[in-house]
Amino acid sequence: MSMRRRVRGLSWGPGAIGTAAWGGPRLSDVLKLAGVQYYSDITTRKGRHVEFVSCDSCKEEDGLPFRASIPMLHATTPESDVLLAYEMNGKVLSRDHGYPLRAIVPGVIGARSVKWIETIIISRFESQGFFQQKDYKMFPPDIDWHNVKWQSRRPLMDFPINSVICEPRDGIAVKSGDMVDLYGYVVAGGGRGIERVDISIDNGEKWMEALQLPKLPIEAQAGYEDDPLRPKWAWTLWQLKFVKVETPCIVVVKAVDSAGNIQPQDVDEIWNLRGVMNNCWYKIRINAPCPPVEIQLPPPEPDWAKIAAENEKRQCKSPEDHAHDKPPPDVLDKF
């Protein structure tokens, strides 16, 4: 986005994502034990939002803790799979990943999955934290920092459908007519599944459908493989093998989720001052190999010592050295 118009924020790339198996109780079960069961039961009595407060302070909060909230309906719905996690991939959380306790709000931007939880608050109001009210909001392209009104937009929650080419890398050189194998991932927010992944090797003129790889082993082991209605939280890996390319060329990937959401073609359509939610077509360039370079070597350095020795041999030592020389024919012709 900054290549079109400058945005403020960290320059996250396509590698700022991951998938893990998280362990811990559902937040809906914890709230049920605390006497909060149904959304209709708590809207008038206790609140509409669940706020996570971290023990991690940050400068944006003027030294106060990081905090974020999710709607109570989201928190109390078991199918939302919101967790209070204390394990990651079968091991106790590391400090960097939020030990001893963190929130996992799948299908939602990472800013709501608060680490190092110290307090959970049931509130009538949405969190007033900096990253809920003055960041992570999406404005139209005509809004910039001189006319932004933060309260005019809702905080971001579900992330959009997005897809990426992981291999080959952008800028690789391939001989025209050779075959390449393409690999990548696709992910959709809100637990929506992936309908298809489309690949083009001519910058969007023609398309081919990529193969979606089977679910992660941890999902299959948990018995989720045969449940098509279960939310799809993890990324989906895809591949398209033995693709003949005519280089140079532009390879594109775009995807469609189960709700029919598609990726916009150009970043200009979704430019925003914070640079968030960029899910335009992902492109890489495959170059043709450079022709061999003909190196012009300089002429060899003369062997001056050898030349001097030859000249010395040719030098006359005395007049008698030429006593028996015959005159050249052209000299005799003059007489």
Protein backbone atom coordinates (compact mmCIF):
# COMPACT_ATOMS: atom_id res chain seq x y z
CA MET A 1 0.00 0.00 0.00
CA SER A 2 2.84 2.41 0.77
CA MET A 3 4.03 2.04 -2.83
CA ARG A 4 0.78 3.77 -3.86
CA ARG A 5 0.44 6.17 -0.94
CA ARG A 6 2.27 6.14 2.35
CA VAL A 7 0.57 4.41 5.29
CA ARG A 8 1.53 4.29 8.96
CA GLY A 9 2.28 1.02 10.63
CA LEU A 10 4.58 -1.98 10.57
CA SER A 11 5.29 -3.44 7.15
CA TRP A 12 3.88 -6.92 7.73
CA GLY A 13 4.54 -9.35 4.92
CA PRO A 14 2.90 -12.63 3.93
CA GLY A 15 4.96 -14.53 6.52
CA ALA A 16 3.25 -12.83 9.50
CA ILE A 17 0.90 -15.76 10.08
CA GLY A 18 0.93 -19.18 11.67
CA THR A 19 -1.22 -22.14 12.66
CA ALA A 20 -0.97 -24.03 15.93
CA ALA A 21 -2.94 -26.46 18.08
CA TRP A 22 -4.06 -24.54 21.17
CA GLY A 23 -5.08 -26.14 24.47
CA GLY A 24 -7.34 -24.69 27.13
CA PRO A 25 -11.00 -24.29 28.14
CA ARG A 26 -13.55 -22.56 25.95
CA LEU A 27 -14.36 -19.08 27.18
CA SER A 28 -18.05 -19.93 26.87
CA ASP A 29 -17.61 -22.72 29.46
CA VAL A 30 -15.71 -20.43 31.81
CA LEU A 31 -18.41 -17.77 31.57
CA LYS A 32 -21.07 -20.41 32.16
CA LEU A 33 -19.34 -21.44 35.39
CA ALA A 34 -19.30 -17.77 36.35
CA GLY A 35 -23.07 -17.56 35.84
CA VAL A 36 -22.99 -15.93 32.40
CA GLN A 37 -24.72 -18.29 29.98
CA TYR A 38 -26.78 -16.64 27.30
CA TYR A 39 -26.53 -13.40 25.43
CA SER A 40 -30.20 -12.57 26.03
CA ASP A 41 -29.70 -13.07 29.75
CA ILE A 42 -26.83 -10.65 30.19
CA THR A 43 -27.58 -7.73 27.85
CA THR A 44 -29.50 -5.84 30.51
CA ARG A 45 -27.87 -7.17 33.69
CA LYS A 46 -24.14 -7.48 33.19
CA GLY A 47 -22.91 -6.30 29.84
CA ARG A 48 -22.47 -6.78 26.14
CA HIS A 49 -18.68 -7.24 25.93
CA VAL A 50 -15.89 -9.35 27.39
CA GLU A 51 -12.62 -7.44 27.86
CA PHE A 52 -9.20 -9.05 28.25
CA VAL A 53 -6.66 -7.01 30.19
CA SER A 54 -2.99 -7.94 29.88
CA CYS A 55 -0.22 -7.43 32.41
CA ASP A 56 1.88 -6.10 29.50
CA SER A 57 2.04 -2.30 29.49
CA CYS A 58 2.53 -0.33 26.28
CA LYS A 59 3.34 3.25 25.35
CA GLU A 60 0.15 3.66 23.30
CA GLU A 61 -1.82 3.18 26.53
CA ASP A 62 0.42 5.72 28.31
CA GLY A 63 2.07 2.91 30.26
CA LEU A 64 -1.19 1.16 31.14
CA PRO A 65 -1.89 -2.46 30.16
CA PHE A 66 -2.82 -3.62 26.67
CA ARG A 67 -6.55 -4.38 26.52
CA ALA A 68 -9.10 -5.55 23.95
CA SER A 69 -12.66 -6.84 23.94
CA ILE A 70 -14.99 -9.06 21.91
CA PRO A 71 -18.80 -9.02 21.84
CA MET A 72 -20.51 -11.13 24.48
CA LEU A 73 -22.41 -13.07 21.82
CA HIS A 74 -19.07 -14.12 20.32
CA ALA A 75 -17.69 -15.07 23.73
CA THR A 76 -20.69 -17.13 24.84
CA THR A 77 -21.19 -19.08 21.60
CA PRO A 78 -19.41 -22.46 21.93
CA GLU A 79 -19.01 -22.75 18.14
CA SER A 80 -16.85 -19.63 18.17
CA ASP A 81 -14.15 -21.72 19.90
CA VAL A 82 -12.76 -18.76 21.86
CA LEU A 83 -10.17 -20.26 24.21
CA LEU A 84 -8.32 -19.31 27.35
CA ALA A 85 -5.20 -21.12 26.23
CA TYR A 86 -2.35 -22.39 28.38
CA GLU A 87 -0.90 -24.87 25.84
CA MET A 88 0.48 -24.57 22.33
CA ASN A 89 1.19 -27.68 20.25
CA GLY A 90 0.90 -29.89 23.33
CA LYS A 91 3.34 -27.89 25.46
CA VAL A 92 2.97 -25.21 28.09
CA LEU A 93 2.88 -21.76 26.52
CA SER A 94 6.23 -20.08 26.15
CA ARG A 95 6.66 -16.57 27.47
CA ASP A 96 6.68 -15.08 23.97
CA HIS A 97 3.37 -16.76 23.18
CA GLY A 98 1.58 -15.49 26.28
CA TYR A 99 2.47 -17.63 29.31
CA PRO A 100 0.73 -18.38 31.58
CA LEU A 101 -2.64 -17.58 29.96
CA ARG A 102 -3.78 -15.95 26.75
CA ALA A 103 -6.94 -15.55 24.70
CA ILE A 104 -7.32 -17.27 21.35
CA VAL A 105 -10.09 -15.71 19.24
CA PRO A 106 -9.90 -17.72 16.00
CA GLY A 107 -10.95 -16.18 12.70
CA VAL A 108 -10.39 -12.70 14.13
CA ILE A 109 -7.44 -10.33 13.79
CA GLY A 110 -4.63 -11.08 16.21
CA ALA A 111 -5.04 -7.88 18.22
CA ARG A 112 -8.06 -9.44 19.99
CA SER A 113 -6.13 -12.56 21.10
CA VAL A 114 -4.62 -10.87 24.13
CA LYS A 115 -1.50 -12.41 25.70
CA TRP A 116 -0.49 -12.54 29.38
CA ILE A 117 -4.06 -12.14 30.64
CA GLU A 118 -4.34 -10.69 34.12
CA THR A 119 -8.03 -9.75 34.25
CA ILE A 120 -11.23 -10.58 32.38
CA ILE A 121 -13.97 -7.95 32.63
CA ILE A 122 -17.65 -8.23 31.67
CA SER A 123 -18.65 -4.75 30.61
CA ARG A 124 -21.59 -2.87 29.18
CA PHE A 125 -19.18 -1.08 26.87
CA GLU A 126 -16.60 -2.00 24.30
CA SER A 127 -12.98 -1.76 25.41
CA GLN A 128 -11.73 1.81 25.34
CA GLY A 129 -8.13 0.70 24.79
CA PHE A 130 -6.01 2.42 22.16
CA PHE A 131 -5.87 -0.60 19.83
CA GLN A 132 -9.64 -0.98 19.96
CA GLN A 133 -10.58 2.67 19.46
CA LYS A 134 -7.71 4.40 17.65
CA ASP A 135 -6.14 1.61 15.62
CA TYR A 136 -7.13 -1.46 13.62
CA LYS A 137 -10.01 0.22 11.83
CA MET A 138 -10.52 0.33 8.08
CA PHE A 139 -11.32 3.64 6.41
CA PRO A 140 -12.10 4.36 2.74
CA PRO A 141 -9.31 5.56 0.43
CA ASP A 142 -10.40 9.23 0.63
CA ILE A 143 -9.76 9.38 4.40
CA ASP A 144 -6.25 10.32 5.50
CA TRP A 145 -4.63 11.45 8.72
CA HIS A 146 -5.80 15.06 8.39
CA ASN A 147 -9.51 14.14 8.33
CA VAL A 148 -9.77 10.79 10.12
CA LYS A 149 -12.51 10.36 12.74
CA TRP A 150 -11.78 7.20 14.69
CA GLN A 151 -15.21 6.90 16.29
CA SER A 152 -16.89 6.74 12.87
CA ARG A 153 -15.72 3.13 12.27
CA ARG A 154 -16.09 -0.14 14.13
CA PRO A 155 -13.03 -2.04 15.37
CA LEU A 156 -11.88 -4.78 13.01
CA MET A 157 -12.86 -8.32 13.89
CA ASP A 158 -13.00 -11.05 11.19
CA PHE A 159 -10.12 -10.94 8.73
CA PRO A 160 -10.89 -11.25 5.00
CA ILE A 161 -10.21 -14.07 2.55
CA ASN A 162 -6.52 -14.00 1.63
CA SER A 163 -4.08 -16.20 -0.28
CA VAL A 164 -0.32 -16.24 -0.83
CA ILE A 165 2.25 -17.94 -3.06
CA CYS A 166 5.07 -19.31 -0.87
CA GLU A 167 7.04 -21.16 -3.56
CA PRO A 168 8.59 -20.29 -5.91
CA ARG A 169 9.93 -17.05 -4.54
CA ASP A 170 9.34 -13.75 -6.25
CA GLY A 171 12.02 -12.95 -8.85
CA ILE A 172 13.23 -16.51 -9.46
CA ALA A 173 14.68 -17.23 -12.92
CA VAL A 174 13.20 -20.12 -14.93
CA LYS A 175 13.91 -21.11 -18.52
CA SER A 176 10.93 -20.48 -20.81
CA GLY A 177 8.99 -23.70 -21.38
CA ASP A 178 10.13 -25.35 -18.14
CA MET A 179 7.78 -26.74 -15.50
CA VAL A 180 7.36 -25.21 -12.03
CA ASP A 181 5.53 -26.38 -8.89
CA LEU A 182 3.50 -23.76 -7.02
CA TYR A 183 2.73 -23.91 -3.28
CA GLY A 184 1.01 -21.55 -0.86
CA TYR A 185 -1.67 -21.03 1.76
CA VAL A 186 -5.18 -19.55 1.87
CA VAL A 187 -7.09 -18.41 4.93
CA ALA A 188 -10.54 -16.96 5.59
CA GLY A 189 -11.84 -15.20 8.68
CA GLY A 190 -14.92 -16.00 10.71
CA GLY A 191 -14.48 -19.76 10.38
CA ARG A 192 -15.47 -19.70 6.72
CA GLY A 193 -14.15 -22.50 4.54
CA ILE A 194 -12.33 -22.19 1.22
CA GLU A 195 -14.39 -22.73 -1.91
CA ARG A 196 -11.50 -22.61 -4.38
CA VAL A 197 -8.02 -21.27 -5.11
CA ASP A 198 -7.36 -19.85 -8.59
CA ILE A 199 -3.93 -19.57 -10.22
CA SER A 200 -2.93 -17.56 -13.30
CA ILE A 201 0.48 -17.62 -15.00
CA ASP A 202 -0.29 -14.73 -17.35
CA ASN A 203 -1.21 -11.94 -14.93
CA GLY A 204 -4.89 -12.84 -14.74
CA GLU A 205 -5.76 -13.60 -18.37
CA LYS A 206 -6.49 -17.32 -17.83
CA TRP A 207 -7.03 -19.29 -14.63
CA MET A 208 -6.46 -22.78 -13.25
CA GLU A 209 -7.77 -24.23 -9.98
CA ALA A 210 -5.20 -25.33 -7.41
CA LEU A 211 -5.47 -28.47 -5.29
CA GLN A 212 -6.37 -27.89 -1.64
CA LEU A 213 -4.30 -30.21 0.55
CA PRO A 214 -5.87 -32.36 3.30
CA LYS A 215 -6.48 -30.94 6.75
CA LEU A 216 -3.77 -30.78 9.34
CA PRO A 217 -3.18 -34.07 11.21
CA ILE A 218 -4.27 -32.55 14.52
CA GLU A 219 -7.71 -31.77 13.06
CA ALA A 220 -8.16 -35.24 11.62
CA GLN A 221 -7.14 -36.86 14.92
CA ALA A 222 -9.70 -34.79 16.78
CA GLY A 223 -12.48 -36.17 14.58
CA TYR A 224 -13.23 -32.93 12.75
CA GLU A 225 -12.49 -34.26 9.29
CA ASP A 226 -16.02 -35.64 8.77
CA ASP A 227 -17.81 -32.52 10.03
CA PRO A 228 -18.28 -30.19 7.03
CA LEU A 229 -20.29 -27.71 9.11
CA ARG A 230 -17.58 -27.14 11.69
CA PRO A 231 -15.85 -23.73 11.44
CA LYS A 232 -12.57 -23.71 9.55
CA TRP A 233 -10.09 -21.83 11.71
CA ALA A 234 -6.73 -23.04 10.35
CA TRP A 235 -5.13 -22.05 7.09
CA THR A 236 -5.50 -24.34 4.07
CA LEU A 237 -2.37 -25.29 2.15
CA TRP A 238 -2.62 -25.59 -1.65
CA GLN A 239 -0.46 -26.73 -4.54
CA LEU A 240 -0.43 -26.74 -8.33
CA LYS A 241 2.30 -28.91 -9.83
CA PHE A 242 3.88 -29.30 -13.27
CA VAL A 243 2.86 -25.89 -14.58
CA LYS A 244 4.54 -24.91 -17.85
CA VAL A 245 5.60 -21.26 -17.84
CA GLU A 246 6.70 -18.94 -20.61
CA THR A 247 9.05 -16.52 -18.99
CA PRO A 248 9.11 -13.75 -18.07
CA CYS A 249 5.62 -13.96 -16.58
CA ILE A 250 3.45 -12.80 -13.65
CA VAL A 251 1.92 -15.55 -11.50
CA VAL A 252 -1.23 -14.63 -9.55
CA VAL A 253 -3.25 -16.34 -6.83
CA LYS A 254 -6.75 -15.40 -5.65
CA ALA A 255 -9.32 -17.31 -3.63
CA VAL A 256 -13.03 -17.55 -2.87
CA ASP A 257 -14.41 -18.50 0.55
CA SER A 258 -17.55 -20.47 1.37
CA ALA A 259 -19.60 -17.27 1.66
CA GLY A 260 -18.62 -16.18 -1.86
CA ASN A 261 -16.22 -13.46 -0.72
CA ILE A 262 -13.46 -12.77 -3.24
CA GLN A 263 -10.16 -10.90 -3.22
CA PRO A 264 -10.03 -7.49 -4.90
CA GLN A 265 -7.83 -7.25 -7.94
CA ASP A 266 -5.94 -4.08 -7.07
CA VAL A 267 -4.69 -2.54 -3.84
CA ASP A 268 -6.06 0.88 -4.86
CA GLU A 269 -9.57 -0.43 -4.15
CA ILE A 270 -8.78 -1.10 -0.48
CA TRP A 271 -6.07 1.46 0.35
CA ASN A 272 -6.47 2.82 3.85
CA LEU A 273 -4.37 5.08 6.03
CA ARG A 274 -3.38 2.28 8.43
CA GLY A 275 -2.56 -0.25 5.72
CA VAL A 276 -4.72 -2.99 7.22
CA MET A 277 -6.77 -5.78 5.60
CA ASN A 278 -4.69 -5.87 2.41
CA ASN A 279 -6.01 -8.95 0.61
CA CYS A 280 -5.64 -7.97 -3.04
CA TRP A 281 -4.43 -10.50 -5.62
CA TYR A 282 -1.02 -11.84 -4.61
CA LYS A 283 1.53 -11.77 -7.41
CA ILE A 284 5.07 -12.94 -8.05
CA ARG A 285 7.30 -12.44 -11.08
CA ILE A 286 9.19 -15.31 -12.71
CA ASN A 287 12.07 -14.04 -14.81
CA ALA A 288 13.81 -15.54 -17.81
CA PRO A 289 17.46 -16.49 -17.22
CA CYS A 290 19.92 -13.79 -18.18
CA PRO A 291 21.91 -14.51 -21.39
CA PRO A 292 25.55 -15.45 -20.83
CA VAL A 293 27.83 -12.46 -20.65
CA GLU A 294 30.75 -12.40 -23.10
CA ILE A 295 33.79 -11.27 -21.21
CA GLN A 296 36.35 -9.37 -23.29
CA LEU A 297 39.76 -10.22 -21.87
CA PRO A 298 42.47 -7.58 -22.22
CA PRO A 299 45.41 -8.44 -24.48
CA PRO A 300 48.23 -10.22 -22.67
CA GLU A 301 51.01 -8.09 -21.26
CA PRO A 302 54.09 -8.13 -23.59
CA ASP A 303 57.06 -10.15 -22.35
CA TRP A 304 59.49 -7.26 -22.37
CA ALA A 305 62.38 -9.36 -21.10
CA LYS A 306 62.03 -11.78 -24.03
CA ILE A 307 61.74 -8.93 -26.54
CA ALA A 308 64.87 -7.28 -25.13
CA ALA A 309 66.77 -10.57 -25.42
CA GLU A 310 65.73 -10.98 -29.08
CA ASN A 311 66.75 -7.42 -29.89
CA GLU A 312 70.08 -7.95 -28.28
CA LYS A 313 70.69 -10.96 -30.52
CA ARG A 314 69.95 -8.86 -33.61
CA GLN A 315 72.35 -6.08 -32.67
CA CYS A 316 75.64 -5.89 -34.63
CA LYS A 317 78.79 -6.55 -32.65
CA SER A 318 81.23 -5.41 -35.40
CA PRO A 319 81.27 -4.59 -39.18
CA GLU A 320 82.52 -8.10 -39.87
CA ASP A 321 79.15 -9.47 -38.71
CA HIS A 322 77.77 -8.55 -42.15
CA ALA A 323 80.82 -9.23 -44.30
CA HIS A 324 79.20 -12.13 -46.11
CA ASP A 325 75.68 -10.67 -46.36
CA LYS A 326 74.26 -10.55 -49.87
CA PRO A 327 72.63 -7.28 -50.95
CA PRO A 328 68.84 -7.38 -51.35
CA PRO A 329 67.65 -8.01 -54.97
CA ASP A 330 66.05 -4.59 -55.30
CA VAL A 331 69.41 -2.96 -54.59
CA LEU A 332 71.13 -5.01 -57.38
CA ASP A 333 68.38 -4.01 -59.82
CA LYS A 334 69.33 -0.38 -59.44
CA PHE A 335 72.75 -1.16 -60.93
